[in-house]
Each structure stands twice: as C-alpha cells, then as structure tokens.
Amino acid sequence: MKFEDEVRRRRTFAIISHPDAGKTTLTEKLLLYARAIHLAGSVKSKRESRRTISDWMKIEQERGISVTSSVLQFEYQGRALNLVDTPGHADFSEDTFRTLAAVDSAVMLMDHAKGVEPRTRKLFEVCRMRMLPVITFMNKLDRHGLHPLELVDQVRNTLDLQVAPLNWPLGMGHEFKGVVDVKTRELILYDPTAGRRGTEIVSSERRPWSEADSVLGTAAYDRIAEELELIEHAGDPYTQESFLSGDVSPLFWGSAMSNFGVEELLSFLARHTAAPAPRETEAHENIRPEEQRFTGFIFKIQANMNPRHRDGIAFMRVVSGKFERGMDCVIGRSGDVLRLSKPHTFLGDERSLVEEAWPGDIVGLYNTGKLRVGDTLSNDGPIKFAGIPRFAPEHFMTARLEDPLKRKALDSGLEQLAQEGVIQLFFSPGRGRQNPYLGAVGLLQFEVLKERLKNEYKISVEFSKTKYNRARWIGGPPEALEWLRSTHGYLLLEDRHGQPVVLTDSDWNLHYALEKAPGLLLFDVEPL
C-alpha cells in the first residue's frame, strides 16, 4: 500500500466523559464490534468473568474506575483505528489533557439521565481549544432519563455547540424500542434481551419507516414523527465540513451496556472522523503528515506496564513520515540521538512488536529515562513541537517509609511514577533528590500512588499533609527569587527539571508577592 494511502486510512480519537457515564464499557464494546476481542469484559466483573482490556491496572480492576489512559489499536472497515480510553475522574485530568493533544477527534459520552455534567463541560472546552471534531453519544437509553429534545437544547446552550442528531430514540427505559435513522428513516430495533448477552455481538433488527406505526403504536408513532419533523426543520444541519471544523457535533443514541448503537457509532468513527492533522513547531513551521521526514512527539509515559521488568514506555504520536523499527532520531529538547529499537503497538497492556508505523499511529517506545512528556523526535535534525504543559498542583504531602531501609527503592519508584505523571515531585535546592514534596491536582492521586508503590515496588508509605495548597513556577530576575527566599510564608523548591517553584497557602500571598517582588512572574502552568 502506498504511503499516502496508509496515512489516509488512519483515524485517532479519544473517548471523554464525566465519571460513570459508561466510557470504559463503550470502549470495550467498540473493540468487540471491531472483532479486536471475542468477548467484552466488565468494568466490575466477578472473579470468573473477563476483565476489560482498557482498565488493565490492578487498582483500576479493584475500584472499577480508570486512573490512566489506555491505547487501543485495531482495524475496522479498512481503517486503522487508534483509540485512547481516558480517565473520567477530575483528579486524573492531566492525563486526559495530555491525551487530547495526541488525537484528531473525540467521542463525548453522556449519560442521558444526567446530560452535560461538570467534567463533560471541562473536557469539551479542551477539545474546543485544540479544535477537535467531537461526536456526541447519549448512553444508557435502556434506562429512563431526560427528554431527547431537552438534552439537545442542553448541549447547545451549555456547550455553545450545534448538535445534529443522526439517529433519534424510539422511547427510553422500559419503553425503549430502538432508534430511527434521521436521514433514511430506517428503524433499528432494540432487543431487550441483549443486555443478557452483553459480552457478545448482537445484530439489531431493521425495519422500514412504513412499519413504524405497527412497531411503536399510534401514540408513540405520532410523537416521534413530530419530533423528527421538528429536528429536521429547526435542528442544526449536518455536513462533513461543519463536523470536521468543530462547528457541529453529530449525535448518536444507544446503550453501550446492551451493545445497542455501538455498531453505528463505530462505522461513523471509521468512515467520517478526522484524518491525521498537521502539527505546528515552536518555530511556526507546519509539519504535514504527508512529509517524508519522520517526526513524532511523546504525550504519555507509563511505568511498569510489565512490573517484572520495571519497564517504562513512552507513548509517541507519529506526526509525519514513516516510522521504522531501529531508526535513529534526535530528541528536540536535548539534541540526544536515540535508536528506536523496541517499538510496540498496544491493546491495553497487551503489546506487539511493530516494524513500521504511519502518521496518526501511536507507538510505545522503551524508555530508559531520556524521554519526557512533550519531547519531539525527528530523523531530520532537532525540532520542537509546541509542548504539553503540566498544571500546578493544589495538594501537597510528604511521604514516610514504614521500612527506612527501602529509601532507595522509594526514590526510584517516585521518580518513575513522576515521569509518568502520577505525581509531581518538588525538591529543596541544594539538598539532593531525597525527601521530596509530593504534589497532585487531586487527592485521589495520592491513593493511586500509595497503591502502586505497594503493588509494583513492594513499598509501604504513609502520607502527611502539609499546609501548602498553592504552587507556581517562577520567572523573572534573580532579585524576585531572592525576595521570595527572604520573605516569610513562601517555600522555594525546584521541580524535577530544576525549574524554581514557590509553594504557599493562600492567593493573598501570591498577589502580595507579585506586588512587592521586583519583576516577579508566576505561572500556574509549567513554562515550556
């Protein structure tokens, strides 16, 4: 197959949602209908049941939540799909934000009983900032929820987003009969016994609209016919151009748990989502996927995917050119030359050695510590894409070892998990890398850190909360740094990369420092 054809058939997308909207279940069912797996797993499975592919970490399986994004690669309808299942919980938002830098489209999943929730709104704004086309999927139609027209208006008004339903629900809850294709008026009927066969592919019965009266009953038929007429004349029109520009979100309805609506969504993802996009360098050069030179960037680092080998994997999005196993590349940040000799593709934590990859693909690279999130790789000299920022933590702890003899193992574990982004580390200048302050965006990150240190490094720790709840990276002249160092109420530290950071316990202290310290600059996002 020609290089240009390989590029055109790539589709890379993420699934985003508020927690408990059914994101991991939908991911599992997409894999099922693409025949990437034979049986779908359960988020909260019994011991004898099959676990989900995307939630592969022990803590995810025990708690039934996603705490890290998973890369899933599979084929469907001649397309090579790269799907990233992202954490929904706000405490893991940094992982999700980094992931959205590596995809070309997003599926915005909603529980139709709850509509637009706070995390939905926040994640959609990140998609808008990155100009990502967004597909909306209203989930759990086999349960009672909000009226479909109310949901459409809510998405329009809350997110300031045009919505074009491509199918329309035939009732909900116990009265849910399926959906009707808005354009063809074909009925796609729901089998209420499908939920009992939720681990297997279920084929939906299809009927022409001429049979709708007998299938639905006269009252339901009249109501749905009126709703269809309303959205046809007063709704937002769908065009491929308006979708790819991010102006219109195509809307689907279904029930991922019961496998209903999954096949229609998957077909749309394969046929209509955005192809690999160009990416701009810091020098404002637009690098297009069709270029011959290879370029890529690191958007995620995962420690201990194979705990027996303590390996670290750097996930790279290919931007342009053809990737080949064993090629030499330059790291744009450091200028170091790196031989990419152990690249893999992934299905959750299952990996396969890959010989070549094309723009849009996600490749896992063996990382010995040379690669960081945001690094750019190229086989044609050093370049730098616009980086992926870190956000200032809001919670700070110190760690106490139950066994002081395991200090070296703790330092190693913290460093590896900080590379991954589980936690942020801050050190006292001139005192080495021991006894760091641990920073997190959300408190649940500390629970994850504690569990992973125990499970993956055999280390037991207790955390002690500090008085600090604000962190800012520091810019400006040396005098500003000296003012902070000599003034009560500020703790000066350095991050893992040696950049100065100040910790304090109030916004008032931050405003006071900006007024009094000569030339001081404070950043709540890491300067790149």
Protein backbone atom coordinates (compact mmCIF):
# COMPACT_ATOMS: atom_id res chain seq x y z
CA MET A 1 0.00 0.00 0.00
CA LYS A 2 1.26 3.49 -0.87
CA PHE A 3 2.44 5.86 1.86
CA GLU A 4 -0.40 8.32 1.13
CA ASP A 5 -2.98 5.54 1.38
CA GLU A 6 -1.63 4.43 4.74
CA VAL A 7 -1.91 8.00 6.04
CA ARG A 8 -5.47 8.41 4.75
CA ARG A 9 -6.74 5.26 6.44
CA ARG A 10 -5.55 6.27 9.95
CA ARG A 11 -8.09 7.54 12.50
CA THR A 12 -7.00 8.53 16.00
CA PHE A 13 -9.59 9.51 18.62
CA ALA A 14 -10.25 9.64 22.36
CA ILE A 15 -13.37 8.98 24.41
CA ILE A 16 -14.13 11.60 27.07
CA SER A 17 -16.87 11.76 29.68
CA HIS A 18 -17.89 12.53 33.23
CA PRO A 19 -17.19 9.57 35.58
CA ASP A 20 -19.74 6.72 35.41
CA ALA A 21 -21.17 7.71 32.03
CA GLY A 22 -20.08 4.33 30.64
CA LYS A 23 -16.84 5.27 28.91
CA THR A 24 -14.86 2.10 29.56
CA THR A 25 -17.89 -0.04 28.72
CA LEU A 26 -18.29 1.78 25.39
CA THR A 27 -14.57 1.31 24.68
CA GLU A 28 -14.88 -2.41 25.33
CA LYS A 29 -17.90 -2.72 23.03
CA LEU A 30 -16.17 -0.84 20.20
CA LEU A 31 -13.37 -3.40 20.42
CA LEU A 32 -15.94 -6.19 20.41
CA TYR A 33 -17.75 -4.97 17.30
CA ALA A 34 -14.44 -4.39 15.52
CA ARG A 35 -13.62 -8.05 16.27
CA ALA A 36 -10.49 -6.93 18.13
CA ILE A 37 -11.69 -9.08 21.05
CA HIS A 38 -14.06 -12.06 21.10
CA LEU A 39 -15.83 -11.33 24.39
CA ALA A 40 -16.36 -7.98 26.10
CA GLY A 41 -15.18 -7.63 29.69
CA SER A 42 -16.95 -5.97 32.58
CA VAL A 43 -15.81 -2.87 34.46
CA LYS A 44 -16.88 -4.52 37.74
CA SER A 45 -16.58 -8.15 36.81
CA LYS A 46 -16.89 -11.14 39.06
CA ARG A 47 -13.77 -13.20 39.68
CA GLU A 48 -14.63 -15.70 36.96
CA SER A 49 -15.62 -13.06 34.41
CA ARG A 50 -13.41 -11.42 31.86
CA ARG A 51 -11.88 -8.05 32.81
CA THR A 52 -11.88 -5.08 30.49
CA ILE A 53 -8.98 -4.55 28.09
CA SER A 54 -8.52 -0.83 28.81
CA ASP A 55 -8.64 -0.99 32.64
CA TRP A 56 -5.62 -3.29 32.97
CA MET A 57 -4.02 -1.92 36.16
CA LYS A 58 -4.79 -3.72 39.43
CA ILE A 59 -6.15 -0.60 41.12
CA GLU A 60 -8.49 0.03 38.15
CA GLN A 61 -9.82 -3.52 38.34
CA GLU A 62 -10.35 -3.34 42.11
CA ARG A 63 -12.12 0.05 42.11
CA GLY A 64 -13.91 -0.10 38.77
CA ILE A 65 -12.51 3.28 37.63
CA SER A 66 -9.96 4.37 35.03
CA VAL A 67 -6.91 6.08 36.52
CA THR A 68 -4.74 6.19 33.41
CA SER A 69 -5.35 6.44 29.69
CA SER A 70 -5.06 3.25 27.63
CA VAL A 71 -4.02 2.95 23.99
CA LEU A 72 -6.03 0.51 21.87
CA GLN A 73 -5.22 -0.16 18.22
CA PHE A 74 -7.36 -2.21 15.83
CA GLU A 75 -8.75 -2.40 12.28
CA TYR A 76 -12.31 -1.82 11.08
CA GLN A 77 -13.76 -1.35 7.59
CA GLY A 78 -10.29 -0.92 6.12
CA ARG A 79 -9.34 1.80 8.63
CA ALA A 80 -6.51 1.58 11.15
CA LEU A 81 -8.05 2.95 14.36
CA ASN A 82 -6.11 4.30 17.32
CA LEU A 83 -8.47 4.67 20.29
CA VAL A 84 -7.47 6.18 23.62
CA ASP A 85 -9.65 5.49 26.66
CA THR A 86 -9.14 8.41 29.07
CA PRO A 87 -9.77 8.72 32.82
CA GLY A 88 -13.05 10.49 33.61
CA HIS A 89 -12.26 11.47 37.21
CA ALA A 90 -11.17 15.09 37.67
CA ASP A 91 -8.19 14.03 39.79
CA PHE A 92 -6.61 12.49 36.67
CA SER A 93 -7.38 15.39 34.34
CA GLU A 94 -3.72 15.98 33.44
CA ASP A 95 -3.53 12.54 31.83
CA THR A 96 -6.66 13.30 29.82
CA PHE A 97 -5.41 16.75 28.73
CA ARG A 98 -2.14 15.22 27.51
CA THR A 99 -4.02 12.55 25.61
CA LEU A 100 -6.20 15.09 23.80
CA ALA A 101 -3.02 16.60 22.37
CA ALA A 102 -2.39 13.31 20.53
CA VAL A 103 -5.77 12.65 18.86
CA ASP A 104 -7.64 14.10 15.88
CA SER A 105 -11.24 13.59 17.07
CA ALA A 106 -13.12 12.87 20.30
CA VAL A 107 -16.26 10.99 21.33
CA MET A 108 -18.12 12.92 24.04
CA LEU A 109 -20.10 10.35 26.00
CA MET A 110 -23.04 11.39 28.18
CA ASP A 111 -25.48 9.63 30.48
CA HIS A 112 -28.84 10.68 29.05
CA ALA A 113 -30.31 10.78 32.57
CA LYS A 114 -27.78 13.45 33.59
CA GLY A 115 -26.92 15.37 30.44
CA VAL A 116 -24.00 17.81 30.46
CA GLU A 117 -22.05 17.31 33.70
CA PRO A 118 -19.16 19.43 35.03
CA ARG A 119 -16.38 17.16 33.71
CA THR A 120 -18.12 16.95 30.35
CA ARG A 121 -18.04 20.73 30.10
CA LYS A 122 -14.39 20.99 31.14
CA LEU A 123 -13.20 18.28 28.74
CA PHE A 124 -15.21 19.71 25.88
CA GLU A 125 -13.52 23.07 26.37
CA VAL A 126 -10.14 21.35 26.00
CA CYS A 127 -11.40 19.78 22.75
CA ARG A 128 -12.55 23.20 21.55
CA MET A 129 -9.19 24.75 22.45
CA ARG A 130 -7.48 22.07 20.37
CA MET A 131 -10.10 22.43 17.59
CA LEU A 132 -11.02 18.74 17.73
CA PRO A 133 -14.16 17.48 15.97
CA VAL A 134 -16.49 15.98 18.59
CA ILE A 135 -19.07 13.19 18.22
CA THR A 136 -21.75 13.03 20.94
CA PHE A 137 -23.10 9.67 22.14
CA MET A 138 -26.08 9.66 24.54
CA ASN A 139 -25.75 6.49 26.58
CA LYS A 140 -27.98 4.29 28.77
CA LEU A 141 -31.19 4.67 26.74
CA ASP A 142 -32.39 1.39 28.26
CA ARG A 143 -32.94 3.45 31.43
CA HIS A 144 -35.26 6.40 31.92
CA GLY A 145 -33.69 9.83 31.50
CA LEU A 146 -34.19 13.36 30.21
CA HIS A 147 -36.35 14.07 27.18
CA PRO A 148 -34.30 13.91 23.96
CA LEU A 149 -35.24 17.44 22.89
CA GLU A 150 -34.26 18.74 26.32
CA LEU A 151 -30.87 17.04 26.01
CA VAL A 152 -30.26 18.55 22.57
CA ASP A 153 -31.09 22.03 23.89
CA GLN A 154 -28.87 21.46 26.94
CA VAL A 155 -25.85 20.56 24.82
CA ARG A 156 -26.46 23.53 22.52
CA ASN A 157 -26.87 26.06 25.32
CA THR A 158 -24.37 24.73 27.87
CA LEU A 159 -21.54 23.99 25.46
CA ASP A 160 -22.46 26.57 22.79
CA LEU A 161 -22.27 23.74 20.26
CA GLN A 162 -24.51 22.95 17.31
CA VAL A 163 -25.89 19.40 17.51
CA ALA A 164 -27.07 17.33 14.54
CA PRO A 165 -28.85 14.08 15.53
CA LEU A 166 -28.03 11.35 13.01
CA ASN A 167 -30.48 8.99 14.66
CA TRP A 168 -33.35 9.53 17.11
CA PRO A 169 -34.52 7.43 20.07
CA LEU A 170 -37.76 5.48 20.00
CA GLY A 171 -38.65 5.91 23.66
CA MET A 172 -36.46 5.16 26.69
CA GLY A 173 -36.29 2.85 29.69
CA HIS A 174 -38.84 0.02 29.58
CA GLU A 175 -40.42 1.67 26.54
CA PHE A 176 -37.17 1.88 24.58
CA LYS A 177 -37.72 0.32 21.15
CA GLY A 178 -34.53 1.45 19.36
CA VAL A 179 -33.64 4.37 17.11
CA VAL A 180 -34.63 5.69 13.72
CA ASP A 181 -32.06 6.87 11.18
CA VAL A 182 -32.89 10.55 10.68
CA LYS A 183 -31.85 10.59 7.01
CA THR A 184 -33.16 7.22 5.73
CA ARG A 185 -35.99 6.78 8.28
CA GLU A 186 -34.91 3.18 8.76
CA LEU A 187 -35.92 1.69 12.13
CA ILE A 188 -33.11 -0.01 14.08
CA LEU A 189 -34.84 -2.02 16.78
CA TYR A 190 -33.61 -2.76 20.29
CA ASP A 191 -33.69 -6.30 21.65
CA PRO A 192 -34.44 -6.10 25.42
CA THR A 193 -32.73 -9.46 25.96
CA ALA A 194 -29.47 -8.09 24.51
CA GLY A 195 -28.25 -6.97 27.91
CA ARG A 196 -28.05 -10.58 28.99
CA ARG A 197 -25.73 -11.22 26.04
CA GLY A 198 -23.74 -8.02 26.55
CA THR A 199 -20.39 -9.75 26.15
CA GLU A 200 -21.23 -10.85 22.61
CA ILE A 201 -22.08 -9.14 19.34
CA VAL A 202 -25.82 -8.54 18.94
CA SER A 203 -27.26 -7.78 15.49
CA SER A 204 -30.16 -5.31 15.53
CA GLU A 205 -33.34 -5.93 13.53
CA ARG A 206 -34.06 -3.27 10.90
CA ARG A 207 -37.49 -2.26 9.55
CA PRO A 208 -38.70 0.41 7.08
CA TRP A 209 -40.43 3.53 8.43
CA SER A 210 -43.67 2.32 6.82
CA GLU A 211 -43.90 -0.26 9.62
CA ALA A 212 -43.28 2.28 12.41
CA ASP A 213 -46.97 2.61 13.35
CA SER A 214 -47.35 -1.12 13.96
CA VAL A 215 -43.98 -1.42 15.74
CA LEU A 216 -44.36 1.61 18.02
CA GLY A 217 -48.09 2.01 18.45
CA THR A 218 -50.07 5.01 17.21
CA ALA A 219 -49.37 7.37 20.13
CA ALA A 220 -45.60 6.79 20.12
CA TYR A 221 -45.54 6.93 16.31
CA ASP A 222 -47.27 10.34 16.26
CA ARG A 223 -44.97 11.73 18.95
CA ILE A 224 -41.74 10.55 17.29
CA ALA A 225 -42.90 11.67 13.84
CA GLU A 226 -43.49 15.15 15.29
CA GLU A 227 -40.04 15.18 16.92
CA LEU A 228 -38.40 14.11 13.67
CA GLU A 229 -40.16 16.87 11.78
CA LEU A 230 -39.06 19.38 14.42
CA ILE A 231 -35.36 18.46 14.31
CA GLU A 232 -35.47 18.31 10.51
CA HIS A 233 -36.77 21.88 10.18
CA ALA A 234 -35.44 23.56 13.33
CA GLY A 235 -32.34 21.47 14.04
CA ASP A 236 -28.74 22.09 13.12
CA PRO A 237 -27.86 20.65 9.69
CA TYR A 238 -25.02 18.14 9.47
CA THR A 239 -22.28 18.40 6.87
CA GLN A 240 -18.91 16.71 6.89
CA GLU A 241 -17.19 20.10 6.62
CA SER A 242 -19.02 21.57 9.62
CA PHE A 243 -18.22 18.47 11.68
CA LEU A 244 -14.50 18.47 10.85
CA SER A 245 -14.28 22.19 11.60
CA GLY A 246 -15.72 21.56 15.07
CA ASP A 247 -18.85 23.64 14.48
CA VAL A 248 -21.35 20.75 14.57
CA SER A 249 -21.40 17.60 16.68
CA PRO A 250 -23.16 14.56 15.17
CA LEU A 251 -25.36 12.95 17.82
CA PHE A 252 -25.99 9.22 18.35
CA TRP A 253 -28.19 7.44 20.92
CA GLY A 254 -27.74 3.98 22.37
CA SER A 255 -26.88 1.70 25.27
CA ALA A 256 -23.28 0.52 25.44
CA MET A 257 -24.06 -1.97 28.18
CA SER A 258 -26.65 -3.66 25.92
CA ASN A 259 -24.48 -3.28 22.79
CA PHE A 260 -27.13 -1.10 21.13
CA GLY A 261 -25.95 1.75 18.89
CA VAL A 262 -22.30 0.71 19.14
CA GLU A 263 -22.05 -0.56 15.57
CA GLU A 264 -23.46 2.67 14.09
CA LEU A 265 -21.03 4.76 16.14
CA LEU A 266 -18.07 2.57 15.18
CA SER A 267 -18.94 2.80 11.49
CA PHE A 268 -19.08 6.60 11.73
CA LEU A 269 -15.72 6.70 13.52
CA ALA A 270 -14.12 4.65 10.76
CA ARG A 271 -15.66 6.49 7.82
CA HIS A 272 -16.09 10.11 8.88
CA THR A 273 -13.74 11.17 11.69
CA ALA A 274 -10.74 13.39 11.03
CA ALA A 275 -7.67 12.08 9.24
CA PRO A 276 -4.20 12.80 10.74
CA ALA A 277 -3.65 16.54 11.07
CA PRO A 278 -0.57 18.75 10.67
CA ARG A 279 1.23 19.98 13.79
CA GLU A 280 2.97 23.30 14.31
CA THR A 281 6.52 23.61 15.64
CA GLU A 282 7.71 26.26 18.04
CA ALA A 283 9.30 27.92 15.01
CA HIS A 284 5.77 28.16 13.48
CA GLU A 285 6.56 25.58 10.83
CA ASN A 286 3.55 23.47 9.87
CA ILE A 287 4.59 19.83 9.51
CA ARG A 288 2.13 17.86 7.42
CA PRO A 289 1.55 14.10 7.73
CA GLU A 290 2.48 13.53 4.05
CA GLU A 291 6.03 14.83 4.50
CA GLN A 292 8.80 12.29 4.01
CA ARG A 293 10.78 13.17 7.14
CA PHE A 294 9.73 11.31 10.24
CA THR A 295 8.51 13.32 13.24
CA GLY A 296 6.59 12.40 16.37
CA PHE A 297 6.02 13.58 19.93
CA ILE A 298 5.69 11.97 23.36
CA PHE A 299 2.32 12.56 25.03
CA LYS A 300 2.38 9.94 27.79
CA ILE A 301 4.83 7.88 29.79
CA GLN A 302 3.71 4.72 31.59
CA ALA A 303 5.81 2.98 34.23
CA ASN A 304 5.65 -0.74 34.99
CA MET A 305 3.36 -1.99 32.25
CA ASN A 306 5.39 -5.14 32.85
CA PRO A 307 6.09 -4.96 36.62
CA ARG A 308 8.54 -7.87 36.46
CA HIS A 309 10.88 -5.83 34.28
CA ARG A 310 10.19 -2.35 35.74
CA ASP A 311 9.97 -1.07 32.18
CA GLY A 312 8.93 2.41 31.18
CA ILE A 313 7.00 3.03 27.97
CA ALA A 314 6.89 6.41 26.23
CA PHE A 315 3.83 6.74 24.01
CA MET A 316 4.58 8.59 20.78
CA ARG A 317 2.12 10.01 18.27
CA VAL A 318 3.54 9.81 14.75
CA VAL A 319 3.08 13.21 13.08
CA SER A 320 4.75 12.82 9.69
CA GLY A 321 6.76 10.39 7.58
CA LYS A 322 7.18 6.66 8.02
CA PHE A 323 8.37 5.24 11.32
CA GLU A 324 10.65 2.20 11.09
CA ARG A 325 11.94 -0.01 13.85
CA GLY A 326 15.61 0.62 14.62
CA MET A 327 15.72 4.13 13.15
CA ASP A 328 17.83 6.83 14.81
CA CYS A 329 16.03 10.01 15.93
CA VAL A 330 17.04 13.27 17.55
CA ILE A 331 15.29 14.44 20.74
CA GLY A 332 14.43 18.08 20.07
CA ARG A 333 14.81 19.17 23.71
CA SER A 334 18.25 17.71 24.38
CA GLY A 335 19.72 17.01 20.93
CA ASP A 336 20.48 13.43 22.01
CA VAL A 337 20.31 10.71 19.36
CA LEU A 338 18.07 7.79 20.29
CA ARG A 339 17.79 4.46 18.47
CA LEU A 340 14.16 3.30 18.48
CA SER A 341 14.85 -0.41 18.60
CA LYS A 342 11.95 -1.76 20.71
CA PRO A 343 8.74 -0.15 19.44
CA HIS A 344 5.34 -1.70 20.21
CA THR A 345 1.68 -1.32 19.38
CA PHE A 346 -0.87 -1.85 22.15
CA LEU A 347 -4.24 -3.24 23.05
CA GLY A 348 -4.43 -2.13 26.68
CA ASP A 349 -1.38 -3.72 28.32
CA GLU A 350 -1.05 -6.35 25.58
CA ARG A 351 1.77 -5.40 23.25
CA SER A 352 3.12 -6.45 19.87
CA LEU A 353 6.46 -5.55 18.33
CA VAL A 354 5.94 -3.16 15.42
CA GLU A 355 8.21 -2.81 12.40
CA GLU A 356 6.65 0.33 10.89
CA ALA A 357 4.01 2.96 11.58
CA TRP A 358 2.45 5.94 9.82
CA PRO A 359 1.09 9.38 10.77
CA GLY A 360 -1.76 9.06 13.23
CA ASP A 361 -0.41 5.86 14.76
CA ILE A 362 0.58 5.62 18.41
CA VAL A 363 3.78 3.71 19.13
CA GLY A 364 5.15 2.66 22.50
CA LEU A 365 8.91 3.21 22.87
CA TYR A 366 11.11 1.62 25.51
CA ASN A 367 12.21 4.49 27.75
CA THR A 368 15.38 4.45 29.85
CA GLY A 369 14.70 7.93 31.24
CA LYS A 370 15.82 10.02 28.27
CA LEU A 371 12.30 10.85 27.10
CA ARG A 372 9.83 13.23 28.75
CA VAL A 373 6.23 14.12 28.07
CA GLY A 374 6.25 16.77 25.32
CA ASP A 375 9.51 15.65 23.71
CA THR A 376 9.72 15.77 19.91
CA LEU A 377 11.51 13.11 17.87
CA SER A 378 12.77 13.54 14.31
CA ASN A 379 15.12 11.74 11.91
CA ASP A 380 15.98 15.04 10.22
CA GLY A 381 17.62 17.14 12.93
CA PRO A 382 16.17 18.61 16.13
CA ILE A 383 12.74 20.24 16.00
CA LYS A 384 10.27 21.14 18.74
CA PHE A 385 6.51 20.95 18.62
CA ALA A 386 4.54 23.13 20.99
CA GLY A 387 4.86 21.33 24.31
CA ILE A 388 2.32 19.64 26.55
CA PRO A 389 2.10 21.61 29.79
CA ARG A 390 1.86 20.46 33.39
CA PHE A 391 -0.62 22.15 35.71
CA ALA A 392 0.17 23.48 39.17
CA PRO A 393 -0.78 21.03 41.95
CA GLU A 394 -3.25 22.02 44.66
CA HIS A 395 -2.44 19.34 47.26
CA PHE A 396 0.93 18.60 48.85
CA MET A 397 2.14 15.73 51.01
CA THR A 398 5.35 14.31 52.38
CA ALA A 399 5.98 10.56 52.49
CA ARG A 400 7.12 8.45 55.45
CA LEU A 401 8.52 4.97 54.87
CA GLU A 402 7.43 2.13 57.14
CA ASP A 403 10.79 0.45 56.39
CA PRO A 404 13.60 3.09 56.29
CA LEU A 405 15.90 0.57 54.56
CA LYS A 406 13.78 0.89 51.41
CA ARG A 407 14.63 4.56 50.88
CA LYS A 408 16.49 3.87 47.61
CA ALA A 409 13.56 1.86 46.26
CA LEU A 410 11.16 4.67 47.23
CA ASP A 411 13.27 7.30 45.47
CA SER A 412 13.37 5.16 42.34
CA GLY A 413 9.62 4.47 42.46
CA LEU A 414 8.71 8.12 42.96
CA GLU A 415 10.96 9.17 40.09
CA GLN A 416 9.45 6.63 37.70
CA LEU A 417 5.86 7.43 38.67
CA ALA A 418 6.59 11.17 38.44
CA GLN A 419 7.84 10.65 34.87
CA GLU A 420 4.50 9.03 34.15
CA GLY A 421 2.58 11.93 35.72
CA VAL A 422 1.03 10.06 38.65
CA ILE A 423 2.56 12.65 40.97
CA GLN A 424 4.74 15.75 40.79
CA LEU A 425 7.96 15.99 42.78
CA PHE A 426 9.49 19.14 44.27
CA PHE A 427 12.91 19.26 45.92
CA SER A 428 14.67 21.62 48.31
CA PRO A 429 17.54 23.31 46.43
CA GLY A 430 20.99 22.05 47.43
CA ARG A 431 19.64 19.07 49.40
CA GLY A 432 19.70 16.40 46.72
CA ARG A 433 16.70 14.41 45.48
CA GLN A 434 15.62 12.82 48.75
CA ASN A 435 12.54 13.63 50.86
CA PRO A 436 10.65 15.50 48.12
CA TYR A 437 7.35 17.28 48.49
CA LEU A 438 4.67 15.39 46.57
CA GLY A 439 2.21 17.49 44.58
CA ALA A 440 -1.09 16.42 42.99
CA VAL A 441 -4.00 18.07 41.20
CA GLY A 442 -6.47 15.80 43.08
CA LEU A 443 -6.32 13.87 46.35
CA LEU A 444 -7.19 10.56 44.68
CA GLN A 445 -3.76 10.67 43.03
CA PHE A 446 -2.18 10.03 46.44
CA GLU A 447 -4.33 6.91 46.90
CA VAL A 448 -3.24 5.68 43.47
CA LEU A 449 0.40 6.47 44.31
CA LYS A 450 0.19 4.55 47.59
CA GLU A 451 -1.40 1.50 45.94
CA ARG A 452 1.06 1.45 43.06
CA LEU A 453 4.09 1.80 45.36
CA LYS A 454 2.74 -1.16 47.32
CA ASN A 455 1.78 -3.34 44.33
CA GLU A 456 4.62 -2.52 41.94
CA TYR A 457 7.56 -1.66 44.24
CA LYS A 458 6.65 -3.55 47.46
CA ILE A 459 6.95 -0.32 49.45
CA SER A 460 4.56 0.78 52.22
CA VAL A 461 4.31 4.52 52.86
CA GLU A 462 2.17 6.92 54.86
CA PHE A 463 1.49 10.47 53.70
CA SER A 464 1.41 13.61 55.84
CA LYS A 465 -0.45 16.66 54.63
CA THR A 466 1.41 19.97 54.51
CA LYS A 467 -0.03 23.46 54.99
CA TYR A 468 0.62 24.41 51.36
CA ASN A 469 -2.17 24.47 48.76
CA ARG A 470 -0.77 26.73 46.03
CA ALA A 471 2.19 26.21 43.69
CA ARG A 472 3.54 28.49 40.98
CA TRP A 473 6.50 28.23 38.66
CA ILE A 474 8.74 31.29 38.98
CA GLY A 475 10.02 33.64 36.31
CA GLY A 476 11.74 37.00 36.41
CA PRO A 477 15.14 38.36 37.52
CA PRO A 478 17.27 36.93 40.38
CA GLU A 479 16.02 39.73 42.65
CA ALA A 480 12.49 38.33 42.51
CA LEU A 481 13.72 34.89 43.55
CA GLU A 482 15.73 36.40 46.41
CA TRP A 483 12.69 38.35 47.64
CA LEU A 484 10.67 35.12 47.88
CA ARG A 485 13.54 33.34 49.61
CA SER A 486 13.83 36.00 52.30
CA THR A 487 10.12 36.58 52.95
CA HIS A 488 8.01 34.62 55.44
CA GLY A 489 5.15 32.49 54.04
CA TYR A 490 6.88 31.18 50.92
CA LEU A 491 8.70 27.87 50.37
CA LEU A 492 11.12 27.80 47.45
CA LEU A 493 11.65 24.45 45.76
CA GLU A 494 12.69 23.03 42.38
CA ASP A 495 10.74 20.65 40.16
CA ARG A 496 12.23 17.50 38.61
CA HIS A 497 13.67 19.56 35.76
CA GLY A 498 15.36 22.11 38.01
CA GLN A 499 12.84 24.91 37.44
CA PRO A 500 12.15 27.08 40.52
CA VAL A 501 8.73 26.72 42.14
CA VAL A 502 7.17 28.55 45.06
CA LEU A 503 4.67 26.97 47.48
CA THR A 504 2.37 28.99 49.70
CA ASP A 505 -1.00 28.67 51.41
CA SER A 506 -3.17 31.49 50.06
CA ASP A 507 -4.00 33.53 46.98
CA TRP A 508 -3.32 36.64 49.05
CA ASN A 509 0.33 35.60 49.39
CA LEU A 510 0.60 35.19 45.63
CA HIS A 511 -0.89 38.63 44.94
CA TYR A 512 1.35 40.21 47.60
CA ALA A 513 4.46 38.66 46.05
CA LEU A 514 3.53 39.97 42.60
CA GLU A 515 3.14 43.47 44.05
CA LYS A 516 6.33 43.51 46.11
CA ALA A 517 8.91 41.29 44.36
CA PRO A 518 10.69 43.21 41.59
CA GLY A 519 9.88 41.76 38.15
CA LEU A 520 8.36 38.56 39.55
CA LEU A 521 6.41 36.29 37.18
CA LEU A 522 4.26 33.41 38.47
CA PHE A 523 2.84 30.61 36.28
CA ASP A 524 0.12 28.09 37.16
CA VAL A 525 1.07 26.11 34.04
CA GLU A 526 4.68 24.97 33.64
CA PRO A 527 6.59 27.34 31.33
CA LEU A 528 7.75 25.48 28.23
